[in-house]
Amino acid sequence: MVEKTSCGICGGNSILTTTTYHGKLKDGTSIVIYNVPCYRCTQCGEEVFLFDTLDKIDEIKANQDELLMMLNRILQQLNHLSE
């Protein structure tokens, strides 16, 4: 069974589906997350994420930020070793 709700923009039917999330990390690096659950309006295409989904996206982005900081520290250490 397909879950439905009303679109907050046009009042059309929104159905539960998945989308691809495009965002940015703190340093401006682009991030893409596939198969993200959302409600999409069948009329206007507006996509709405549930709060739990937004929390998970924030968690993924925070983990990526942490990984980038670790990589930058490693690269700095390698640069110092090669000098």
Protein backbone atom coordinates (compact mmCIF):
# COMPACT_ATOMS: atom_id res chain seq x y z
CA MET A 1 0.00 0.00 0.00
CA VAL A 2 1.30 3.47 -0.93
CA GLU A 3 1.31 6.03 1.89
CA LYS A 4 -0.25 9.38 0.91
CA THR A 5 -0.53 12.86 2.38
CA SER A 6 -1.52 16.30 1.10
CA CYS A 7 1.03 18.67 -0.45
CA GLY A 8 1.62 21.82 1.60
CA ILE A 9 2.28 23.84 -1.56
CA CYS A 10 -0.53 22.98 -4.01
CA GLY A 11 -2.81 20.65 -2.01
CA GLY A 12 -2.19 17.73 -4.37
CA ASN A 13 -1.48 14.15 -3.30
CA SER A 14 2.00 13.40 -1.99
CA ILE A 15 3.19 9.80 -2.01
CA LEU A 16 5.99 8.13 -0.09
CA THR A 17 8.92 7.49 -2.43
CA THR A 18 12.69 8.06 -2.54
CA THR A 19 14.85 10.83 -3.95
CA THR A 20 18.48 11.82 -4.28
CA TYR A 21 19.64 14.42 -1.75
CA HIS A 22 22.18 17.03 -2.89
CA GLY A 23 23.82 19.16 -0.22
CA LYS A 24 27.02 20.75 1.00
CA LEU A 25 29.34 19.99 3.91
CA LYS A 26 30.68 22.75 6.17
CA ASP A 27 33.73 23.24 3.97
CA GLY A 28 31.62 23.58 0.83
CA THR A 29 32.23 20.03 -0.43
CA SER A 30 29.21 18.64 -2.28
CA ILE A 31 27.52 15.54 -0.92
CA VAL A 32 25.03 13.25 -2.65
CA ILE A 33 22.89 10.70 -0.79
CA TYR A 34 20.83 8.23 -2.85
CA ASN A 35 17.49 6.58 -2.02
CA VAL A 36 16.42 9.08 0.63
CA PRO A 37 12.78 8.56 1.74
CA CYS A 38 10.48 11.53 1.08
CA TYR A 39 6.93 12.50 0.25
CA ARG A 40 6.69 13.82 -3.34
CA CYS A 41 3.66 15.65 -4.70
CA THR A 42 2.23 14.03 -7.81
CA GLN A 43 1.13 17.45 -9.11
CA CYS A 44 3.91 19.97 -8.42
CA GLY A 45 6.83 17.67 -7.52
CA GLU A 46 7.48 19.27 -4.10
CA GLU A 47 9.51 16.92 -1.89
CA VAL A 48 9.21 16.83 1.90
CA PHE A 49 11.47 14.90 4.28
CA LEU A 50 10.35 13.47 7.62
CA PHE A 51 12.17 14.76 10.72
CA ASP A 52 13.80 11.35 11.28
CA THR A 53 15.15 11.47 7.72
CA LEU A 54 16.53 14.99 8.24
CA ASP A 55 18.22 13.83 11.45
CA LYS A 56 19.86 10.94 9.55
CA ILE A 57 21.04 13.31 6.78
CA ASP A 58 22.57 15.60 9.43
CA GLU A 59 24.29 12.58 11.02
CA ILE A 60 25.73 11.47 7.66
CA LYS A 61 26.95 15.01 6.93
CA ALA A 62 28.57 15.29 10.39
CA ASN A 63 30.37 11.97 9.87
CA GLN A 64 31.61 13.13 6.46
CA ASP A 65 32.85 16.42 7.96
CA GLU A 66 34.76 14.44 10.59
CA LEU A 67 36.31 12.18 7.94
CA LEU A 68 37.41 15.18 5.87
CA MET A 69 39.07 16.77 8.91
CA MET A 70 40.93 13.51 9.61
CA LEU A 71 42.07 13.27 5.98
CA ASN A 72 43.29 16.86 6.03
CA ARG A 73 45.34 16.19 9.19
CA ILE A 74 46.89 13.10 7.57
CA LEU A 75 47.72 15.05 4.42
CA GLN A 76 49.34 17.82 6.48
CA GLN A 77 51.44 15.25 8.34
CA LEU A 78 52.51 13.63 5.06
CA ASN A 79 53.44 17.03 3.64
CA HIS A 80 55.63 17.74 6.70
CA LEU A 81 57.35 14.37 6.32
CA SER A 82 58.18 15.04 2.68
CA GLU A 83 59.74 18.46 3.41
